[in-house]
Amino acid sequence: MNSDTVVPLSTPAGPAAQDERPISVEEFCSRYGIGRSTYRRMQRQKTGPRELRIGLRVMITVRAVREWEDRTVESGGASTQESSDE
């Protein structure tokens, strides 16, 4: 690629850039094998990943995914059940 070549912002420059781009909620759910209702429950319980809102789009950054993974591992798994007073 020479210095005159313009790479559109929507097109990653290579595999590393593809790995660092924010992902959609749908991509996150697919990647981790959870449904949208489970994702929404996690968000309500404040156990889901931080979201990046761009206009009406909701995205999740690579950093937010990694932080969520770290919290999930530390707590022994994602809590997706509503807590009860038993």
Protein backbone atom coordinates (compact mmCIF):
# COMPACT_ATOMS: atom_id res chain seq x y z
CA MET A 1 0.00 0.00 0.00
CA ASN A 2 1.54 3.31 -1.02
CA SER A 3 1.07 6.63 0.79
CA ASP A 4 -1.54 7.77 -1.78
CA THR A 5 -3.87 4.87 -1.03
CA VAL A 6 -6.89 5.82 1.06
CA VAL A 7 -8.39 3.14 3.26
CA PRO A 8 -12.00 3.92 4.17
CA LEU A 9 -12.66 4.02 7.91
CA SER A 10 -15.32 1.34 7.54
CA THR A 11 -12.79 -1.05 6.02
CA PRO A 12 -10.23 -2.60 8.38
CA ALA A 13 -6.62 -2.30 7.28
CA GLY A 14 -5.98 -5.96 8.04
CA PRO A 15 -6.73 -8.88 10.36
CA ALA A 16 -5.48 -7.05 13.48
CA ALA A 17 -7.80 -4.11 12.80
CA GLN A 18 -10.71 -6.52 12.31
CA ASP A 19 -10.02 -7.98 15.77
CA GLU A 20 -10.06 -4.54 17.41
CA ARG A 21 -13.28 -3.18 15.94
CA PRO A 22 -16.33 -2.83 18.20
CA ILE A 23 -18.91 -5.56 17.80
CA SER A 24 -22.69 -5.38 17.80
CA VAL A 25 -24.86 -6.84 20.53
CA GLU A 26 -25.92 -9.51 18.04
CA GLU A 27 -22.29 -10.44 17.39
CA PHE A 28 -21.58 -10.54 21.13
CA CYS A 29 -24.57 -12.82 21.78
CA SER A 30 -23.59 -15.10 18.91
CA ARG A 31 -19.96 -15.26 20.01
CA TYR A 32 -20.88 -16.24 23.59
CA GLY A 33 -23.89 -18.39 22.76
CA ILE A 34 -26.46 -16.34 24.64
CA GLY A 35 -29.81 -14.95 23.59
CA ARG A 36 -30.84 -11.30 23.47
CA SER A 37 -33.09 -11.75 26.52
CA THR A 38 -30.14 -13.09 28.52
CA TYR A 39 -28.02 -10.15 27.33
CA ARG A 40 -30.71 -7.68 28.41
CA ARG A 41 -31.01 -9.40 31.80
CA MET A 42 -27.24 -9.14 32.26
CA GLN A 43 -27.40 -5.43 31.42
CA ARG A 44 -30.24 -4.86 33.93
CA GLN A 45 -28.23 -6.68 36.61
CA LYS A 46 -25.11 -4.68 35.70
CA THR A 47 -23.22 -7.91 34.91
CA GLY A 48 -22.97 -7.42 31.13
CA PRO A 49 -20.28 -5.63 29.13
CA ARG A 50 -20.16 -1.84 28.95
CA GLU A 51 -21.91 -0.50 25.88
CA LEU A 52 -20.81 2.16 23.42
CA ARG A 53 -23.75 4.05 21.94
CA ILE A 54 -23.23 5.76 18.60
CA GLY A 55 -26.48 7.39 17.59
CA LEU A 56 -29.00 4.54 17.74
CA ARG A 57 -26.36 1.83 17.38
CA VAL A 58 -25.19 -0.07 20.44
CA MET A 59 -21.70 -1.48 20.13
CA ILE A 60 -19.31 -3.26 22.48
CA THR A 61 -15.62 -2.47 22.33
CA VAL A 62 -12.90 -5.11 22.51
CA ARG A 63 -11.80 -3.60 25.83
CA ALA A 64 -15.33 -3.89 27.25
CA VAL A 65 -15.51 -7.54 26.16
CA ARG A 66 -12.16 -8.30 27.81
CA GLU A 67 -13.21 -6.52 31.04
CA TRP A 68 -16.50 -8.47 31.04
CA GLU A 69 -14.63 -11.74 30.51
CA ASP A 70 -12.28 -10.92 33.40
CA ARG A 71 -15.19 -10.07 35.72
CA THR A 72 -17.05 -13.20 34.66
CA VAL A 73 -14.06 -15.44 35.34
CA GLU A 74 -13.42 -13.76 38.71
CA SER A 75 -17.05 -14.22 39.81
CA GLY A 76 -17.19 -17.83 38.65
CA GLY A 77 -19.56 -17.27 35.72
CA ALA A 78 -22.07 -14.81 34.34
CA SER A 79 -25.03 -14.31 36.64
CA THR A 80 -28.13 -14.41 34.51
CA GLN A 81 -30.69 -15.53 37.07
CA GLU A 82 -32.91 -13.03 38.86
CA SER A 83 -32.00 -13.05 42.54
CA SER A 84 -34.67 -14.17 44.99
CA ASP A 85 -35.12 -13.66 48.71
CA GLU A 86 -34.94 -17.26 49.92
